[in-house]
Structure formats: C-alpha cells, structure tokens
Amino acid sequence: MSEMANASTERARQAGQTAKQEASATAGQAREGASEVVGTATEQAKAVTGEARAQAGAMAGDLRSRVTEEAESQARRGAQVMREWADDLSGLAQKADTDSPAKKLVVQAADRGHRAADYLDSRGVGGLVGDLQDFARRRPGAFLGGAVLAGFAVGRLAKAGSKTNGSGPSAQSNGSGPQALPEEAAVPELPGYGEA
C-alpha cells in the first residue's frame, strides 16, 4: 500500500508540476500579448498625434495666408482711397487763391496723402508692420506716445461719428439732423511727421 501511496503522490506531484508549467506558459503568452497590444496602441496613438499636428499646422498655415491676403487687399483699397482723397485735396488747392494761407496746408496734406498711398502700394502691410516694429524698438517712448494719441483720436472720431449718424443721445432727443464734428475730434499733427 505504501507503494500505491507513493505512486499516487508521485502522480499528484507530476500533475502539479505540469499544471505549474502550463500556468507559467500561459502567463508568459498573456504578457507577450499584452505587450503587443500596448505597443500597437502606442504606435497608433503616435500616428494619430502626428496626423493631428500635421493637420493643425496646415490649418494654421492656411489661416495665416488668408489673413495676409485679406490684409494686403485692404491695404490696396486703403491706398486707393487715400490717393483719391489726396487728388481731391490737390484739386481744391489748385482752385484756391494763390495767397490763401489754407492753400499751403491743403497742398501739404495732399502731398502726404500721395506719399502714404505710394508707401502702402509699394510696401504693403508686411512692410508697414516691419517699419512699425523697427520704430518701436528704436524709440519705444515715441511709439507708445503715438499709439496713445492715435487711440485718443480714433476714439474721438468714433464718438463724433456715432453722433453724426444719429445714434448719439442728443440727436435722438431733439430730432435734429447730422451734427458737425467737435473741435476735439481734430487729429493733432505730430511734429516732424511726414516732412520732406
């Protein structure tokens, strides 16, 4: 009987070792499968991220080119309008008396308008922005002062424009027509600006 018990114990031990080996093999296969799944998922995530970056870059480039094209188009239109105003001022100056003090101012304004229109035509928005950046680097105080004055002037013109269009409170209350621009809305001339 002890031989039978030994044989049973031996078989149980061998079955246990076999089960242990099979469990170890199965665990190894599961680890390999899991690492393959993780590797594939990582590769797919990298591919998706790369594609998203490429598409975002393409969209940003497209947006940048559209904005640049629109800005250049607006600059050309602005130059055209400025040239028309300068031509109108030149026509006024030619019709004025020769000894009129206002004629000199009108001629200067027309000349500056023509130069500004030529500058916008030749340099475009990119040249304008580059020149402003250079000026801001060289003379930051003057740049900030000019920006403040320009902001003040634009604000006053916008306020005066809203009153002229009848959207101001005084135009609505008394029912009168368009009003003249207030004297404060006049844009001050900066010393040394635009002189030849």
Protein backbone atom coordinates (compact mmCIF):
# COMPACT_ATOMS: atom_id res chain seq x y z
CA MET A 1 0.00 0.00 0.00
CA SER A 2 2.81 2.36 0.63
CA GLU A 3 3.90 1.80 -2.96
CA MET A 4 0.49 2.81 -4.14
CA ALA A 5 0.50 5.83 -1.95
CA ASN A 6 3.95 6.74 -3.23
CA ALA A 7 2.78 6.30 -6.83
CA SER A 8 -0.28 8.46 -6.18
CA THR A 9 1.84 11.09 -4.52
CA GLU A 10 4.28 10.96 -7.43
CA ARG A 11 1.47 11.36 -9.96
CA ALA A 12 -0.02 14.24 -7.99
CA ARG A 13 3.40 15.90 -7.82
CA GLN A 14 3.90 15.46 -11.60
CA ALA A 15 0.39 16.78 -12.28
CA GLY A 16 1.14 19.78 -10.07
CA GLN A 17 4.41 20.44 -11.91
CA THR A 18 2.68 20.10 -15.27
CA ALA A 19 -0.08 22.48 -14.18
CA LYS A 20 2.54 24.88 -12.86
CA GLN A 21 4.46 24.75 -16.17
CA GLU A 22 1.29 25.27 -18.20
CA ALA A 23 0.22 28.17 -15.98
CA SER A 24 3.66 29.71 -16.37
CA ALA A 25 3.50 29.28 -20.16
CA THR A 26 0.01 30.79 -20.27
CA ALA A 27 1.12 33.75 -18.14
CA GLY A 28 4.10 34.28 -20.45
CA GLN A 29 1.84 34.26 -23.50
CA ALA A 30 -0.54 36.67 -21.81
CA ARG A 31 2.37 39.03 -21.03
CA GLU A 32 3.57 38.87 -24.66
CA GLY A 33 0.05 39.52 -25.94
CA ALA A 34 -0.43 42.43 -23.56
CA SER A 35 2.91 43.98 -24.55
CA GLU A 36 1.98 43.62 -28.25
CA VAL A 37 -1.37 45.32 -27.61
CA VAL A 38 0.35 48.14 -25.69
CA GLY A 39 2.95 48.52 -28.44
CA THR A 40 0.28 48.64 -31.15
CA ALA A 41 -1.79 51.14 -29.16
CA THR A 42 1.28 53.33 -28.62
CA GLU A 43 2.12 53.28 -32.32
CA GLN A 44 -1.47 54.13 -33.23
CA ALA A 45 -1.53 56.99 -30.70
CA LYS A 46 1.72 58.37 -32.12
CA ALA A 47 0.33 58.14 -35.65
CA VAL A 48 -2.90 59.91 -34.68
CA THR A 49 -0.97 62.61 -32.79
CA GLY A 50 1.35 63.15 -35.76
CA GLU A 51 -1.61 63.39 -38.14
CA ALA A 52 -3.37 65.87 -35.84
CA ARG A 53 -0.23 68.01 -35.65
CA ALA A 54 0.15 67.95 -39.41
CA GLN A 55 -3.49 68.96 -39.93
CA ALA A 56 -3.26 71.71 -37.31
CA GLY A 57 -0.12 73.04 -38.98
CA ALA A 58 -1.81 73.00 -42.38
CA MET A 59 -4.87 74.80 -40.99
CA ALA A 60 -2.69 77.43 -39.28
CA GLY A 61 -0.75 78.00 -42.49
CA ASP A 62 -3.98 78.30 -44.48
CA LEU A 63 -5.43 80.74 -41.96
CA ARG A 64 -2.22 82.78 -41.97
CA SER A 65 -2.21 83.03 -45.77
CA ARG A 66 -5.90 84.03 -45.83
CA VAL A 67 -5.34 86.74 -43.23
CA THR A 68 -2.30 88.00 -45.14
CA GLU A 69 -4.21 88.10 -48.42
CA GLU A 70 -7.11 89.96 -46.81
CA ALA A 71 -4.77 92.44 -45.14
CA GLU A 72 -2.97 93.11 -48.42
CA SER A 73 -6.30 93.58 -50.19
CA GLN A 74 -7.43 96.05 -47.53
CA ALA A 75 -4.10 97.89 -47.81
CA ARG A 76 -4.55 98.24 -51.58
CA ARG A 77 -8.08 99.57 -51.07
CA GLY A 78 -6.86 101.95 -48.39
CA ALA A 79 -4.10 103.21 -50.66
CA GLN A 80 -6.62 103.78 -53.43
CA VAL A 81 -8.97 105.74 -51.16
CA MET A 82 -6.07 107.74 -49.74
CA ARG A 83 -4.89 108.59 -53.26
CA GLU A 84 -8.41 109.72 -54.24
CA TRP A 85 -8.61 111.99 -51.18
CA ALA A 86 -5.17 113.40 -51.94
CA ASP A 87 -6.23 114.05 -55.54
CA ASP A 88 -9.36 115.83 -54.29
CA LEU A 89 -7.25 117.97 -51.96
CA SER A 90 -4.87 118.78 -54.82
CA GLY A 91 -7.84 119.87 -56.92
CA LEU A 92 -9.04 122.11 -54.10
CA ALA A 93 -5.60 123.63 -53.72
CA GLN A 94 -5.39 124.41 -57.44
CA LYS A 95 -8.71 126.27 -57.29
CA ALA A 96 -7.73 128.29 -54.21
CA ASP A 97 -6.31 131.81 -54.29
CA THR A 98 -2.53 131.87 -54.52
CA ASP A 99 -2.12 133.94 -51.40
CA SER A 100 -4.51 131.86 -49.29
CA PRO A 101 -2.91 130.57 -46.06
CA ALA A 102 -5.11 127.45 -46.15
CA LYS A 103 -3.77 126.52 -49.58
CA LYS A 104 -0.36 125.68 -48.16
CA LEU A 105 -1.92 123.32 -45.60
CA VAL A 106 -4.10 121.65 -48.24
CA VAL A 107 -1.11 121.16 -50.54
CA GLN A 108 0.89 119.58 -47.69
CA ALA A 109 -1.99 117.28 -46.79
CA ALA A 110 -2.38 116.22 -50.42
CA ASP A 111 1.36 115.56 -50.72
CA ARG A 112 1.38 113.47 -47.55
CA GLY A 113 -1.66 111.57 -48.77
CA HIS A 114 0.06 110.74 -52.07
CA ARG A 115 3.23 109.62 -50.26
CA ALA A 116 1.24 107.45 -47.84
CA ALA A 117 -0.67 105.83 -50.71
CA ASP A 118 2.57 105.18 -52.62
CA TYR A 119 4.12 103.69 -49.49
CA LEU A 120 1.17 101.33 -48.95
CA ASP A 121 1.25 100.29 -52.60
CA SER A 122 4.97 99.58 -52.60
CA ARG A 123 5.48 98.08 -49.12
CA GLY A 124 2.11 96.60 -48.28
CA VAL A 125 1.03 95.50 -44.81
CA GLY A 126 4.18 93.47 -44.20
CA GLY A 127 6.39 96.49 -44.79
CA LEU A 128 4.18 98.67 -42.62
CA VAL A 129 4.27 96.20 -39.74
CA GLY A 130 8.04 95.75 -40.10
CA ASP A 131 8.63 99.50 -40.08
CA LEU A 132 6.41 99.92 -37.01
CA GLN A 133 8.30 97.18 -35.19
CA ASP A 134 11.64 98.78 -36.06
CA PHE A 135 10.42 102.19 -34.89
CA ALA A 136 9.06 100.67 -31.64
CA ARG A 137 12.45 99.05 -30.97
CA ARG A 138 14.40 102.23 -31.68
CA ARG A 139 12.10 104.71 -29.93
CA PRO A 140 9.70 102.92 -27.58
CA GLY A 141 8.62 106.12 -25.80
CA ALA A 142 7.69 107.87 -29.02
CA PHE A 143 5.91 104.74 -30.26
CA LEU A 144 3.82 104.46 -27.09
CA GLY A 145 3.04 108.18 -27.15
CA GLY A 146 1.96 107.95 -30.78
CA ALA A 147 -0.16 104.91 -30.02
CA VAL A 148 -1.88 106.78 -27.18
CA LEU A 149 -2.53 109.80 -29.40
CA ALA A 150 -3.80 107.59 -32.22
CA GLY A 151 -6.08 105.73 -29.83
CA PHE A 152 -7.42 109.00 -28.46
CA ALA A 153 -8.01 110.36 -31.96
CA VAL A 154 -9.76 107.18 -33.12
CA GLY A 155 -11.92 107.18 -30.01
CA ARG A 156 -12.91 110.81 -30.53
CA LEU A 157 -13.64 110.23 -34.22
CA ALA A 158 -15.73 107.16 -33.39
CA LYS A 159 -17.66 109.14 -30.78
CA ALA A 160 -18.19 112.00 -33.20
CA GLY A 161 -19.18 109.55 -35.93
CA SER A 162 -21.81 107.96 -33.73
CA LYS A 163 -23.26 111.41 -33.00
CA THR A 164 -23.22 112.26 -36.71
CA ASN A 165 -25.07 109.06 -37.62
CA GLY A 166 -27.86 110.00 -35.24
CA SER A 167 -27.10 107.30 -32.71
CA GLY A 168 -25.95 109.76 -30.05
CA PRO A 169 -28.31 110.79 -27.27
CA SER A 170 -28.56 114.45 -28.34
CA ALA A 171 -29.54 113.57 -31.91
CA GLN A 172 -32.28 111.24 -30.72
CA SER A 173 -33.70 113.67 -28.18
CA ASN A 174 -34.04 116.79 -30.32
CA GLY A 175 -34.63 115.11 -33.70
CA SER A 176 -32.07 117.29 -35.47
CA GLY A 177 -30.06 116.09 -38.44
CA PRO A 178 -26.35 115.30 -38.61
CA GLN A 179 -24.12 117.34 -36.36
CA ALA A 180 -20.73 118.84 -37.10
CA LEU A 181 -17.63 117.18 -35.71
CA PRO A 182 -16.46 118.74 -32.45
CA GLU A 183 -13.15 120.58 -32.48
CA GLU A 184 -11.66 117.97 -30.11
CA ALA A 185 -12.02 115.34 -32.84
CA ALA A 186 -9.35 117.01 -34.95
CA VAL A 187 -6.27 114.82 -35.18
CA PRO A 188 -3.23 116.70 -33.94
CA GLU A 189 -0.23 116.75 -36.24
CA LEU A 190 2.87 115.19 -34.74
CA PRO A 191 6.00 117.35 -35.00
CA GLY A 192 8.35 116.20 -37.71
CA TYR A 193 5.93 113.63 -39.14
CA GLY A 194 5.84 113.40 -42.90
CA GLU A 195 8.08 116.36 -43.60
CA ALA A 196 10.19 116.00 -46.69
